[in-house]
Amino acid sequence: MQTRFVFMQSKQTRWYEYVRRVTEGMSAKEVAERAGFDQSAMTRWKNGMNADPKFVVQFARAFHQNVLLALAEAELISDKEADLHEVRMGLEDISTHMLLEELARRIDNSPGRTAHGAGLSEDPDYSKLSDQDGYDLAAYKGEHNIGHDDIPHEP
């Protein structure tokens, strides 16, 4: 009986080729240390194993790469999905907490905010409050507006 040895040639995956391009010749140990995972992951990738999404994201962040592009290179999402530049969510898809955080962010970044953190940068113009044509603030229809001189003053 003759024993045959079959040597399997490792299949270089798209993900492993991407890792090699990004790391520019670093050792597996150096890559693993920088990305914060065990270097055995590099060996598995080299041998054609698929990358775990968690490792893909860790790797991309550690090497300052686009996470979506890395997920596409690992064939976890399509190239078309990786090319998205904006993700829109409907209000029904977000939590109240997320909505309040977004509202707070928009308020904090709105133009016209003072250095004090609240209010408008200029006082509103109240000079026309008693002008019936401008604001029509009379208590009843047909009455004239009350100006500051018409307000009774306490003794």
N, C-alpha and C. Protein backbone atom coordinates (compact mmCIF):
# COMPACT_ATOMS: atom_id res chain seq x y z
N MET A 1 0.83 -1.17 0.00
CA MET A 1 0.00 0.00 0.00
C MET A 1 0.88 1.24 0.00
N GLN A 2 0.56 2.11 -0.89
CA GLN A 2 1.36 3.30 -1.06
C GLN A 2 0.64 4.48 -0.40
N THR A 3 1.39 5.25 0.38
CA THR A 3 0.82 6.43 1.04
C THR A 3 1.07 7.64 0.16
N ARG A 4 0.00 8.37 -0.04
CA ARG A 4 0.13 9.59 -0.85
C ARG A 4 -0.10 10.79 0.05
N PHE A 5 0.73 11.77 -0.12
CA PHE A 5 0.55 13.03 0.60
C PHE A 5 0.02 14.06 -0.38
N VAL A 6 -1.03 14.70 0.04
CA VAL A 6 -1.62 15.74 -0.80
C VAL A 6 -1.37 17.07 -0.10
N PHE A 7 -0.70 17.93 -0.77
CA PHE A 7 -0.45 19.26 -0.22
C PHE A 7 -1.51 20.21 -0.78
N MET A 8 -2.24 20.78 0.13
CA MET A 8 -3.27 21.71 -0.30
C MET A 8 -2.65 23.09 -0.43
N GLN A 9 -2.88 23.64 -1.54
CA GLN A 9 -2.38 24.99 -1.76
C GLN A 9 -3.40 25.95 -1.17
N SER A 10 -2.91 26.87 -0.37
CA SER A 10 -3.85 27.80 0.27
C SER A 10 -4.45 28.75 -0.76
N LYS A 11 -5.71 28.94 -0.60
CA LYS A 11 -6.44 29.84 -1.50
C LYS A 11 -6.34 31.26 -0.94
N GLN A 12 -5.75 32.13 -1.70
CA GLN A 12 -5.63 33.51 -1.26
C GLN A 12 -6.97 34.21 -1.48
N THR A 13 -7.63 34.51 -0.40
CA THR A 13 -8.94 35.16 -0.49
C THR A 13 -8.79 36.66 -0.74
N ARG A 14 -9.87 37.22 -1.18
CA ARG A 14 -9.90 38.67 -1.39
C ARG A 14 -9.56 39.39 -0.08
N TRP A 15 -10.09 38.88 1.03
CA TRP A 15 -9.82 39.49 2.33
C TRP A 15 -8.33 39.44 2.68
N TYR A 16 -7.70 38.29 2.49
CA TYR A 16 -6.29 38.18 2.84
C TYR A 16 -5.43 39.07 1.95
N GLU A 17 -5.77 39.16 0.69
CA GLU A 17 -5.03 40.05 -0.22
C GLU A 17 -5.17 41.51 0.25
N TYR A 18 -6.36 41.87 0.70
CA TYR A 18 -6.60 43.22 1.22
C TYR A 18 -5.73 43.46 2.47
N VAL A 19 -5.72 42.49 3.36
CA VAL A 19 -4.92 42.61 4.59
C VAL A 19 -3.45 42.81 4.23
N ARG A 20 -2.96 42.04 3.27
CA ARG A 20 -1.56 42.16 2.85
C ARG A 20 -1.28 43.55 2.27
N ARG A 21 -2.22 44.07 1.45
CA ARG A 21 -2.02 45.41 0.88
C ARG A 21 -1.98 46.48 1.96
N VAL A 22 -2.88 46.38 2.91
CA VAL A 22 -2.99 47.40 3.95
C VAL A 22 -1.81 47.36 4.91
N THR A 23 -1.35 46.17 5.24
CA THR A 23 -0.28 46.03 6.24
C THR A 23 1.11 46.19 5.65
N GLU A 24 1.24 46.21 4.36
CA GLU A 24 2.51 46.48 3.66
C GLU A 24 3.70 45.71 4.23
N GLY A 25 3.55 44.39 4.31
CA GLY A 25 4.68 43.56 4.71
C GLY A 25 4.92 43.42 6.20
N MET A 26 4.02 43.89 7.03
CA MET A 26 4.18 43.70 8.47
C MET A 26 4.07 42.21 8.79
N SER A 27 4.67 41.80 9.88
CA SER A 27 4.55 40.40 10.29
C SER A 27 3.15 40.17 10.86
N ALA A 28 2.75 38.90 10.89
CA ALA A 28 1.45 38.55 11.45
C ALA A 28 1.35 38.99 12.90
N LYS A 29 2.45 38.86 13.62
CA LYS A 29 2.47 39.26 15.03
C LYS A 29 2.25 40.77 15.15
N GLU A 30 2.93 41.56 14.32
CA GLU A 30 2.77 43.01 14.36
C GLU A 30 1.34 43.44 14.02
N VAL A 31 0.78 42.80 13.01
CA VAL A 31 -0.60 43.12 12.60
C VAL A 31 -1.56 42.79 13.73
N ALA A 32 -1.41 41.60 14.31
CA ALA A 32 -2.30 41.16 15.38
C ALA A 32 -2.20 42.06 16.60
N GLU A 33 -0.98 42.45 16.95
CA GLU A 33 -0.80 43.34 18.10
C GLU A 33 -1.46 44.69 17.86
N ARG A 34 -1.27 45.23 16.68
CA ARG A 34 -1.84 46.54 16.36
C ARG A 34 -3.37 46.50 16.34
N ALA A 35 -3.92 45.40 15.79
CA ALA A 35 -5.38 45.30 15.66
C ALA A 35 -6.04 44.74 16.93
N GLY A 36 -5.24 44.16 17.82
CA GLY A 36 -5.80 43.68 19.08
C GLY A 36 -6.44 42.31 19.01
N PHE A 37 -5.91 41.42 18.16
CA PHE A 37 -6.41 40.06 18.13
C PHE A 37 -5.24 39.09 18.03
N ASP A 38 -5.52 37.80 18.21
CA ASP A 38 -4.49 36.76 18.19
C ASP A 38 -3.96 36.57 16.77
N GLN A 39 -2.68 36.34 16.65
CA GLN A 39 -2.08 36.20 15.32
C GLN A 39 -2.53 34.94 14.59
N SER A 40 -3.17 34.02 15.29
CA SER A 40 -3.70 32.83 14.63
C SER A 40 -4.79 33.21 13.63
N ALA A 41 -5.45 34.34 13.84
CA ALA A 41 -6.45 34.81 12.88
C ALA A 41 -5.78 35.06 11.53
N MET A 42 -4.59 35.62 11.56
CA MET A 42 -3.85 35.88 10.31
C MET A 42 -3.55 34.56 9.59
N THR A 43 -3.17 33.54 10.35
CA THR A 43 -2.88 32.23 9.75
C THR A 43 -4.13 31.64 9.12
N ARG A 44 -5.25 31.75 9.84
CA ARG A 44 -6.51 31.23 9.29
C ARG A 44 -6.87 31.95 7.99
N TRP A 45 -6.70 33.27 7.97
CA TRP A 45 -7.02 34.04 6.76
C TRP A 45 -6.10 33.64 5.61
N LYS A 46 -4.83 33.45 5.94
CA LYS A 46 -3.86 33.06 4.92
C LYS A 46 -4.23 31.71 4.32
N ASN A 47 -4.81 30.83 5.15
CA ASN A 47 -5.20 29.50 4.69
C ASN A 47 -6.60 29.47 4.05
N GLY A 48 -7.17 30.65 3.81
CA GLY A 48 -8.43 30.72 3.09
C GLY A 48 -9.69 30.79 3.92
N MET A 49 -9.56 30.87 5.23
CA MET A 49 -10.74 30.96 6.09
C MET A 49 -11.36 32.35 5.97
N ASN A 50 -12.66 32.39 6.13
CA ASN A 50 -13.37 33.67 6.11
C ASN A 50 -13.12 34.43 7.41
N ALA A 51 -13.14 35.72 7.30
CA ALA A 51 -12.91 36.58 8.47
C ALA A 51 -14.21 36.80 9.22
N ASP A 52 -14.10 36.84 10.51
CA ASP A 52 -15.24 37.15 11.37
C ASP A 52 -15.50 38.65 11.26
N PRO A 53 -16.77 39.08 11.17
CA PRO A 53 -17.06 40.52 11.05
C PRO A 53 -16.42 41.38 12.15
N LYS A 54 -16.37 40.84 13.37
CA LYS A 54 -15.76 41.59 14.47
C LYS A 54 -14.28 41.88 14.19
N PHE A 55 -13.57 40.89 13.68
CA PHE A 55 -12.15 41.08 13.37
C PHE A 55 -11.97 42.04 12.20
N VAL A 56 -12.87 41.97 11.23
CA VAL A 56 -12.78 42.87 10.08
C VAL A 56 -12.89 44.32 10.54
N VAL A 57 -13.85 44.59 11.39
CA VAL A 57 -14.05 45.95 11.90
C VAL A 57 -12.86 46.38 12.74
N GLN A 58 -12.37 45.48 13.62
CA GLN A 58 -11.20 45.79 14.44
C GLN A 58 -10.00 46.12 13.57
N PHE A 59 -9.79 45.30 12.57
CA PHE A 59 -8.66 45.50 11.66
C PHE A 59 -8.78 46.84 10.96
N ALA A 60 -9.95 47.12 10.39
CA ALA A 60 -10.14 48.38 9.65
C ALA A 60 -9.89 49.59 10.54
N ARG A 61 -10.41 49.56 11.73
CA ARG A 61 -10.21 50.70 12.65
C ARG A 61 -8.75 50.84 13.07
N ALA A 62 -8.10 49.72 13.33
CA ALA A 62 -6.69 49.77 13.77
C ALA A 62 -5.79 50.33 12.68
N PHE A 63 -6.14 50.11 11.42
CA PHE A 63 -5.31 50.56 10.31
C PHE A 63 -5.93 51.76 9.58
N HIS A 64 -6.89 52.41 10.24
CA HIS A 64 -7.52 53.64 9.73
C HIS A 64 -8.08 53.45 8.31
N GLN A 65 -8.79 52.34 8.14
CA GLN A 65 -9.40 52.03 6.85
C GLN A 65 -10.92 52.20 6.95
N ASN A 66 -11.54 52.37 5.82
CA ASN A 66 -12.99 52.47 5.75
C ASN A 66 -13.58 51.11 6.14
N VAL A 67 -14.42 51.10 7.16
CA VAL A 67 -14.98 49.86 7.67
C VAL A 67 -15.86 49.18 6.62
N LEU A 68 -16.65 49.96 5.89
CA LEU A 68 -17.51 49.37 4.87
C LEU A 68 -16.69 48.72 3.76
N LEU A 69 -15.61 49.38 3.37
CA LEU A 69 -14.74 48.80 2.34
C LEU A 69 -14.12 47.49 2.84
N ALA A 70 -13.70 47.47 4.10
CA ALA A 70 -13.11 46.26 4.67
C ALA A 70 -14.14 45.13 4.71
N LEU A 71 -15.37 45.45 5.08
CA LEU A 71 -16.42 44.42 5.10
C LEU A 71 -16.69 43.88 3.70
N ALA A 72 -16.60 44.75 2.70
CA ALA A 72 -16.77 44.30 1.31
C ALA A 72 -15.60 43.42 0.89
N GLU A 73 -14.38 43.79 1.27
CA GLU A 73 -13.21 42.98 0.93
C GLU A 73 -13.29 41.60 1.58
N ALA A 74 -13.91 41.54 2.76
CA ALA A 74 -14.09 40.25 3.43
C ALA A 74 -15.31 39.52 2.90
N GLU A 75 -15.96 40.12 1.93
CA GLU A 75 -17.15 39.57 1.28
C GLU A 75 -18.29 39.31 2.27
N LEU A 76 -18.39 40.22 3.26
CA LEU A 76 -19.48 40.16 4.22
C LEU A 76 -20.63 41.07 3.79
N ILE A 77 -20.32 42.07 2.97
CA ILE A 77 -21.34 42.91 2.33
C ILE A 77 -20.92 43.07 0.87
N SER A 78 -21.85 43.51 0.06
CA SER A 78 -21.53 43.67 -1.36
C SER A 78 -20.76 44.97 -1.60
N ASP A 79 -20.11 45.05 -2.75
CA ASP A 79 -19.42 46.28 -3.12
C ASP A 79 -20.41 47.44 -3.22
N LYS A 80 -21.61 47.14 -3.69
CA LYS A 80 -22.64 48.18 -3.81
C LYS A 80 -23.02 48.72 -2.43
N GLU A 81 -23.17 47.83 -1.45
CA GLU A 81 -23.47 48.27 -0.09
C GLU A 81 -22.33 49.10 0.50
N ALA A 82 -21.10 48.73 0.19
CA ALA A 82 -19.94 49.46 0.70
C ALA A 82 -19.84 50.85 0.10
N ASP A 83 -20.44 51.02 -1.07
CA ASP A 83 -20.37 52.31 -1.75
C ASP A 83 -21.40 53.31 -1.24
N LEU A 84 -22.28 52.88 -0.33
CA LEU A 84 -23.27 53.80 0.22
C LEU A 84 -22.57 54.90 1.01
N HIS A 85 -23.01 56.11 0.80
CA HIS A 85 -22.41 57.23 1.53
C HIS A 85 -23.34 57.77 2.59
N GLU A 86 -24.59 57.38 2.51
CA GLU A 86 -25.56 57.90 3.46
C GLU A 86 -26.59 56.82 3.73
N VAL A 87 -26.90 56.66 4.99
CA VAL A 87 -27.93 55.71 5.38
C VAL A 87 -29.06 56.52 5.99
N ARG A 88 -30.24 56.34 5.46
CA ARG A 88 -31.39 57.07 5.97
C ARG A 88 -32.26 56.14 6.80
N MET A 89 -32.71 56.67 7.92
CA MET A 89 -33.62 55.92 8.77
C MET A 89 -34.89 56.74 8.93
N GLY A 90 -36.01 56.07 9.00
CA GLY A 90 -37.26 56.75 9.27
C GLY A 90 -37.39 56.97 10.77
N LEU A 91 -38.21 57.93 11.16
CA LEU A 91 -38.39 58.22 12.58
C LEU A 91 -38.88 57.00 13.35
N GLU A 92 -39.66 56.16 12.70
CA GLU A 92 -40.16 54.97 13.39
C GLU A 92 -39.06 53.96 13.65
N ASP A 93 -37.91 54.10 12.98
CA ASP A 93 -36.80 53.16 13.13
C ASP A 93 -35.82 53.54 14.24
N ILE A 94 -35.99 54.70 14.84
CA ILE A 94 -35.02 55.12 15.86
C ILE A 94 -35.70 55.26 17.22
N SER A 95 -34.91 55.09 18.24
CA SER A 95 -35.44 55.17 19.60
C SER A 95 -35.63 56.63 20.01
N THR A 96 -36.41 56.83 21.04
CA THR A 96 -36.63 58.17 21.57
C THR A 96 -35.30 58.76 22.03
N HIS A 97 -34.47 57.95 22.64
CA HIS A 97 -33.16 58.41 23.11
C HIS A 97 -32.30 58.92 21.95
N MET A 98 -32.27 58.14 20.84
CA MET A 98 -31.49 58.57 19.68
C MET A 98 -32.05 59.86 19.09
N LEU A 99 -33.37 59.98 19.07
CA LEU A 99 -34.00 61.18 18.54
C LEU A 99 -33.64 62.40 19.40
N LEU A 100 -33.67 62.25 20.71
CA LEU A 100 -33.31 63.36 21.60
C LEU A 100 -31.83 63.73 21.47
N GLU A 101 -30.97 62.74 21.30
CA GLU A 101 -29.55 63.04 21.10
C GLU A 101 -29.33 63.84 19.82
N GLU A 102 -30.03 63.46 18.74
CA GLU A 102 -29.90 64.16 17.48
C GLU A 102 -30.44 65.58 17.60
N LEU A 103 -31.54 65.74 18.30
CA LEU A 103 -32.11 67.06 18.51
C LEU A 103 -31.14 67.94 19.30
N ALA A 104 -30.55 67.39 20.34
CA ALA A 104 -29.57 68.14 21.14
C ALA A 104 -28.37 68.53 20.30
N ARG A 105 -27.91 67.60 19.45
CA ARG A 105 -26.77 67.91 18.58
C ARG A 105 -27.10 69.05 17.63
N ARG A 106 -28.30 69.01 17.06
CA ARG A 106 -28.69 70.06 16.12
C ARG A 106 -28.86 71.40 16.82
N ILE A 107 -29.39 71.39 18.02
CA ILE A 107 -29.54 72.64 18.78
C ILE A 107 -28.17 73.22 19.09
N ASP A 108 -27.26 72.36 19.54
CA ASP A 108 -25.92 72.83 19.88
C ASP A 108 -25.16 73.37 18.68
N ASN A 109 -25.45 72.86 17.50
CA ASN A 109 -24.73 73.27 16.29
C ASN A 109 -25.50 74.27 15.43
N SER A 110 -26.63 74.74 15.93
CA SER A 110 -27.44 75.63 15.10
C SER A 110 -26.79 77.01 14.99
N PRO A 111 -26.91 77.65 13.80
CA PRO A 111 -26.37 79.00 13.65
C PRO A 111 -27.17 79.96 14.52
N GLY A 112 -26.50 80.99 15.00
CA GLY A 112 -27.17 81.99 15.82
C GLY A 112 -27.09 81.71 17.30
N ARG A 113 -26.41 80.64 17.69
CA ARG A 113 -26.25 80.35 19.12
C ARG A 113 -25.22 81.30 19.69
N THR A 114 -25.44 81.74 20.91
CA THR A 114 -24.49 82.63 21.57
C THR A 114 -23.40 81.81 22.23
N ALA A 115 -22.38 82.50 22.67
CA ALA A 115 -21.31 81.84 23.40
C ALA A 115 -21.82 81.31 24.74
N HIS A 116 -22.92 81.89 25.23
CA HIS A 116 -23.51 81.45 26.49
C HIS A 116 -24.21 80.11 26.34
N GLY A 117 -24.43 79.67 25.09
CA GLY A 117 -25.00 78.37 24.86
C GLY A 117 -26.50 78.35 24.70
N ALA A 118 -27.16 79.48 24.75
CA ALA A 118 -28.61 79.46 24.60
C ALA A 118 -29.07 80.76 23.98
N GLY A 119 -30.20 80.72 23.33
CA GLY A 119 -30.81 81.92 22.80
C GLY A 119 -30.26 82.31 21.45
N LEU A 120 -30.75 83.41 20.95
CA LEU A 120 -30.32 83.94 19.66
C LEU A 120 -29.15 84.89 19.85
N SER A 121 -28.43 85.13 18.80
CA SER A 121 -27.27 86.02 18.90
C SER A 121 -27.70 87.48 19.01
N GLU A 122 -28.89 87.80 18.55
CA GLU A 122 -29.40 89.17 18.66
C GLU A 122 -30.75 89.13 19.33
N ASP A 123 -31.10 90.23 20.07
CA ASP A 123 -32.42 90.30 20.66
C ASP A 123 -33.45 90.47 19.56
N PRO A 124 -34.62 89.83 19.70
CA PRO A 124 -35.66 90.00 18.69
C PRO A 124 -36.17 91.44 18.69
N ASP A 125 -36.72 91.88 17.58
CA ASP A 125 -37.25 93.24 17.44
C ASP A 125 -38.68 93.27 17.95
N TYR A 126 -38.87 93.85 19.14
CA TYR A 126 -40.20 93.96 19.72
C TYR A 126 -40.84 95.31 19.42
N SER A 127 -40.21 96.13 18.61
CA SER A 127 -40.69 97.50 18.40
C SER A 127 -42.05 97.56 17.72
N LYS A 128 -42.44 96.50 17.02
CA LYS A 128 -43.72 96.54 16.29
C LYS A 128 -44.83 95.77 17.00
N LEU A 129 -44.62 95.39 18.27
CA LEU A 129 -45.63 94.61 18.95
C LEU A 129 -46.97 95.33 19.05
N SER A 130 -46.99 96.66 19.14
CA SER A 130 -48.26 97.37 19.26
C SER A 130 -48.80 97.81 17.90
N ASP A 131 -48.13 97.46 16.83
CA ASP A 131 -48.56 97.81 15.48
C ASP A 131 -49.60 96.79 15.02
N GLN A 132 -50.87 97.24 14.91
CA GLN A 132 -51.95 96.32 14.58
C GLN A 132 -51.73 95.63 13.25
N ASP A 133 -51.18 96.32 12.28
CA ASP A 133 -50.96 95.70 10.98
C ASP A 133 -49.86 94.63 11.05
N GLY A 134 -48.88 94.85 11.92
CA GLY A 134 -47.74 93.93 11.97
C GLY A 134 -48.05 92.67 12.75
N TYR A 135 -48.71 92.77 13.91
CA TYR A 135 -48.88 91.59 14.75
C TYR A 135 -50.32 91.29 15.14
N ASP A 136 -51.21 92.27 15.10
CA ASP A 136 -52.62 92.10 15.43
C ASP A 136 -52.77 91.36 16.76
N LEU A 137 -52.29 91.99 17.82
CA LEU A 137 -52.31 91.36 19.13
C LEU A 137 -53.46 91.83 20.02
N ALA A 138 -54.47 92.43 19.45
CA ALA A 138 -55.60 92.88 20.24
C ALA A 138 -56.29 91.69 20.88
N ALA A 139 -56.87 91.92 22.07
CA ALA A 139 -57.54 90.85 22.79
C ALA A 139 -58.76 90.35 22.03
N TYR A 140 -59.52 91.26 21.43
CA TYR A 140 -60.71 90.89 20.66
C TYR A 140 -60.62 91.52 19.29
N LYS A 141 -61.19 90.87 18.33
CA LYS A 141 -61.20 91.38 16.97
C LYS A 141 -61.86 92.75 16.94
N GLY A 142 -61.26 93.70 16.28
CA GLY A 142 -61.79 95.05 16.16
C GLY A 142 -61.24 96.01 17.20
N GLU A 143 -60.66 95.51 18.29
CA GLU A 143 -60.07 96.41 19.29
C GLU A 143 -58.66 96.78 18.85
N HIS A 144 -58.17 97.89 19.37
CA HIS A 144 -56.81 98.29 19.02
C HIS A 144 -55.81 97.53 19.90
N ASN A 145 -54.62 97.43 19.39
CA ASN A 145 -53.55 96.78 20.15
C ASN A 145 -53.17 97.63 21.35
N ILE A 146 -52.68 96.98 22.38
CA ILE A 146 -52.24 97.69 23.57
C ILE A 146 -50.75 97.95 23.44
N GLY A 147 -50.38 99.20 23.51
CA GLY A 147 -48.98 99.57 23.50
C GLY A 147 -48.47 99.68 24.92
N HIS A 148 -47.17 99.87 25.07
CA HIS A 148 -46.62 99.93 26.42
C HIS A 148 -47.12 101.15 27.18
N ASP A 149 -47.50 102.22 26.48
CA ASP A 149 -48.02 103.40 27.17
C ASP A 149 -49.45 103.19 27.65
N ASP A 150 -50.16 102.22 27.10
CA ASP A 150 -51.55 101.98 27.46
C ASP A 150 -51.67 101.05 28.66
N ILE A 151 -50.59 100.46 29.11
CA ILE A 151 -50.63 99.52 30.22
C ILE A 151 -50.68 100.32 31.52
N PRO A 152 -51.65 100.03 32.37
CA PRO A 152 -51.71 100.77 33.66
C PRO A 152 -50.48 100.46 34.50
N HIS A 153 -49.94 101.48 35.11
CA HIS A 153 -48.75 101.31 35.96
C HIS A 153 -49.19 101.35 37.41
N GLU A 154 -48.57 100.52 38.20
CA GLU A 154 -48.91 100.51 39.63
C GLU A 154 -48.28 101.72 40.30
N PRO A 155 -48.95 102.25 41.31
CA PRO A 155 -48.40 103.42 42.03
C PRO A 155 -47.15 103.11 42.80
